[in-house]
Amino acid sequence: MVSRSPERNTFLRDGYIKRRAEEGKTPENDEAVKAMVDFYDSWNTQDEATQADPEWQKNNMEYDLISTDWIVQKARASTHYPQNLYAAMCNNDFIRNDVWPILQEQTWSASWRSAGGIVADMLGKGDYIDWYCSGMGEGLGNGDEKGDKGYVPESHVTDEIREDLLKLGWIVVEGKTT
């Protein structure tokens, strides 16, 4: 089973609706607004179709993260682990720990936005924005410079995350960033 956040892909849509409402336009009274909201809502349908494709699932760390029960449960049971996983996915490349992917240099990477969405899906709540830039220092974003929350900067891979990704069959490509 694939973990999915019901709020995934809502941040941009909801902001759009709010901005249009300030102009007195809603999906109910304006066709252009309705069309745009329908467009935003179509992203979930597209995501579900993509995630069901066996070809997309191959050598895809996102699929492994959102479909592996033990790591989903670990993320849901912690306050710092989801952020550490998000941070690890930012500015890093990963490769399946298998001969052919290594020989063919078949790497996987995610944008910061995608990484945040993956974590939201694992948690079954929220959207990418809940994690986006969460490794920034206190006063600059959602991170915590003092270490009280256990947050780490983007691109930092903790030993715990490195070990868990290896259990999933993935290794960090050292010295290469996207």
Protein backbone atom coordinates (compact mmCIF):
# COMPACT_ATOMS: atom_id res chain seq x y z
CA MET A 1 0.00 0.00 0.00
CA VAL A 2 1.23 3.49 -0.86
CA SER A 3 1.08 6.18 1.83
CA ARG A 4 -0.57 9.37 0.60
CA SER A 5 -1.43 12.68 2.23
CA PRO A 6 -4.99 13.83 1.61
CA GLU A 7 -3.68 17.42 1.73
CA ARG A 8 -1.04 16.78 -0.97
CA ASN A 9 -1.16 19.38 -3.74
CA THR A 10 -3.45 21.70 -1.76
CA PHE A 11 -1.05 24.48 -0.79
CA LEU A 12 -0.93 26.15 -4.21
CA ARG A 13 -4.61 25.50 -4.92
CA ASP A 14 -5.77 26.95 -1.61
CA GLY A 15 -3.58 30.03 -2.01
CA TYR A 16 -5.01 30.58 -5.48
CA ILE A 17 -8.59 30.25 -4.21
CA LYS A 18 -7.87 32.73 -1.40
CA ARG A 19 -6.35 35.30 -3.78
CA ARG A 20 -9.28 35.04 -6.19
CA ALA A 21 -11.81 35.25 -3.33
CA GLU A 22 -10.27 38.59 -2.36
CA GLU A 23 -11.35 39.75 -5.84
CA GLY A 24 -14.84 38.32 -5.31
CA LYS A 25 -14.21 35.39 -7.64
CA THR A 26 -14.88 31.79 -6.63
CA PRO A 27 -15.11 28.47 -8.49
CA GLU A 28 -18.87 28.81 -8.17
CA ASN A 29 -19.14 32.22 -9.85
CA ASP A 30 -16.15 32.33 -12.23
CA GLU A 31 -15.37 29.75 -14.92
CA ALA A 32 -11.67 30.65 -15.08
CA VAL A 33 -11.28 30.14 -11.33
CA LYS A 34 -13.18 26.83 -11.54
CA ALA A 35 -10.93 25.69 -14.41
CA MET A 36 -7.79 26.53 -12.46
CA VAL A 37 -9.03 24.74 -9.33
CA ASP A 38 -9.90 21.72 -11.48
CA PHE A 39 -6.37 21.86 -12.91
CA TYR A 40 -4.82 21.87 -9.43
CA ASP A 41 -7.11 19.01 -8.37
CA SER A 42 -6.06 16.97 -11.41
CA TRP A 43 -2.53 16.74 -10.01
CA ASN A 44 -3.65 14.10 -7.49
CA THR A 45 -5.25 12.00 -10.20
CA GLN A 46 -2.09 12.24 -12.27
CA ASP A 47 0.07 11.35 -9.25
CA GLU A 48 -2.06 8.29 -8.47
CA ALA A 49 -1.83 7.06 -12.06
CA THR A 50 1.93 7.60 -12.11
CA GLN A 51 2.43 5.81 -8.79
CA ALA A 52 0.46 2.79 -10.02
CA ASP A 53 2.76 2.39 -13.05
CA PRO A 54 5.20 -0.52 -12.47
CA GLU A 55 7.83 1.24 -14.60
CA TRP A 56 7.69 4.33 -12.36
CA GLN A 57 8.11 2.10 -9.30
CA LYS A 58 11.41 0.60 -10.51
CA ASN A 59 14.60 2.12 -9.08
CA ASN A 60 12.53 4.89 -7.54
CA MET A 61 13.38 5.88 -3.99
CA GLU A 62 10.14 7.85 -3.67
CA TYR A 63 8.12 4.71 -4.29
CA ASP A 64 10.24 2.74 -1.84
CA LEU A 65 9.76 5.40 0.84
CA ILE A 66 5.99 5.77 0.48
CA SER A 67 5.30 2.04 0.08
CA THR A 68 7.52 0.50 2.77
CA ASP A 69 5.54 0.13 5.97
CA TRP A 70 8.42 0.10 8.48
CA ILE A 71 9.93 3.38 7.28
CA VAL A 72 6.50 5.06 6.97
CA GLN A 73 5.73 4.02 10.56
CA LYS A 74 9.14 5.24 11.74
CA ALA A 75 8.52 8.65 10.16
CA ARG A 76 5.07 8.87 11.74
CA ALA A 77 6.43 8.00 15.19
CA SER A 78 9.04 10.78 15.33
CA THR A 79 9.22 14.55 15.38
CA HIS A 80 12.73 14.87 13.92
CA TYR A 81 13.02 11.83 11.64
CA PRO A 82 10.73 13.19 8.88
CA GLN A 83 12.70 16.45 8.73
CA ASN A 84 16.01 14.55 8.69
CA LEU A 85 14.73 12.44 5.80
CA TYR A 86 13.57 15.57 3.97
CA ALA A 87 16.97 17.20 4.50
CA ALA A 88 18.79 14.11 3.21
CA MET A 89 16.78 14.12 -0.02
CA CYS A 90 17.67 17.77 -0.71
CA ASN A 91 20.73 18.36 -2.91
CA ASN A 92 21.76 14.71 -2.87
CA ASP A 93 21.73 11.93 -5.42
CA PHE A 94 20.98 8.33 -4.49
CA ILE A 95 21.55 5.06 -6.25
CA ARG A 96 20.07 1.62 -5.73
CA ASN A 97 22.64 -0.59 -4.05
CA ASP A 98 22.66 -3.10 -6.90
CA VAL A 99 25.17 -3.91 -9.63
CA TRP A 100 23.29 -2.67 -12.73
CA PRO A 101 22.09 0.65 -11.35
CA ILE A 102 25.61 1.35 -10.05
CA LEU A 103 27.31 0.37 -13.32
CA GLN A 104 24.82 2.39 -15.35
CA GLU A 105 24.94 5.29 -12.87
CA GLN A 106 21.14 5.31 -12.56
CA THR A 107 20.73 7.87 -9.84
CA TRP A 108 17.59 9.21 -8.19
CA SER A 109 17.14 12.70 -6.80
CA ALA A 110 14.32 15.01 -5.75
CA SER A 111 13.72 18.73 -5.71
CA TRP A 112 13.19 20.32 -2.31
CA ARG A 113 9.49 20.64 -3.13
CA SER A 114 9.24 16.98 -4.15
CA ALA A 115 11.16 15.89 -1.05
CA GLY A 116 8.70 17.78 1.15
CA GLY A 117 5.78 16.16 -0.66
CA ILE A 118 7.28 12.70 -0.18
CA VAL A 119 7.56 13.28 3.56
CA ALA A 120 3.97 14.61 3.69
CA ASP A 121 2.82 11.46 1.89
CA MET A 122 4.75 9.25 4.30
CA LEU A 123 3.12 11.01 7.25
CA GLY A 124 -0.31 10.87 5.63
CA LYS A 125 -0.84 14.58 6.27
CA GLY A 126 0.19 17.99 5.04
CA ASP A 127 1.82 19.18 1.83
CA TYR A 128 5.35 19.93 0.68
CA ILE A 129 5.32 23.37 2.28
CA ASP A 130 5.26 21.82 5.76
CA TRP A 131 8.85 20.64 5.18
CA TYR A 132 10.18 23.02 2.56
CA CYS A 133 13.28 24.84 3.92
CA SER A 134 12.81 23.21 7.35
CA GLY A 135 16.57 22.90 7.77
CA MET A 136 17.15 26.62 7.86
CA GLY A 137 18.37 28.10 11.13
CA GLU A 138 16.20 29.59 13.83
CA GLY A 139 14.61 32.83 12.72
CA LEU A 140 15.11 31.99 9.04
CA GLY A 141 12.63 29.20 8.58
CA ASN A 142 11.27 26.13 10.29
CA GLY A 143 14.59 24.72 11.44
CA ASP A 144 16.13 24.94 14.83
CA GLU A 145 19.67 26.16 15.13
CA LYS A 146 19.95 25.06 18.75
CA GLY A 147 19.24 21.41 17.98
CA ASP A 148 16.18 21.24 20.24
CA LYS A 149 14.07 19.58 17.55
CA GLY A 150 16.83 17.47 16.06
CA TYR A 151 16.48 19.24 12.71
CA VAL A 152 19.43 19.31 10.32
CA PRO A 153 20.26 21.51 7.32
CA GLU A 154 19.22 20.58 3.79
CA SER A 155 21.62 18.08 2.15
CA HIS A 156 22.80 16.73 5.52
CA VAL A 157 22.43 12.96 5.80
CA THR A 158 22.36 11.69 9.36
CA ASP A 159 23.79 8.27 10.19
CA GLU A 160 20.29 7.03 11.05
CA ILE A 161 18.89 8.10 7.67
CA ARG A 162 21.90 6.66 5.83
CA GLU A 163 21.44 3.30 7.58
CA ASP A 164 17.68 3.21 6.93
CA LEU A 165 18.10 4.08 3.26
CA LEU A 166 20.64 1.28 2.97
CA LYS A 167 18.08 -1.11 4.48
CA LEU A 168 15.73 0.06 1.72
CA GLY A 169 18.47 -0.68 -0.82
CA TRP A 170 19.68 2.89 -1.46
CA ILE A 171 23.02 4.60 -0.95
CA VAL A 172 23.97 8.26 -1.06
CA VAL A 173 26.17 9.13 -4.03
CA GLU A 174 29.05 10.84 -2.27
CA GLY A 175 30.49 14.03 -3.73
CA LYS A 176 27.72 14.54 -6.29
CA THR A 177 24.83 16.93 -5.87
CA THR A 178 21.93 17.72 -8.15
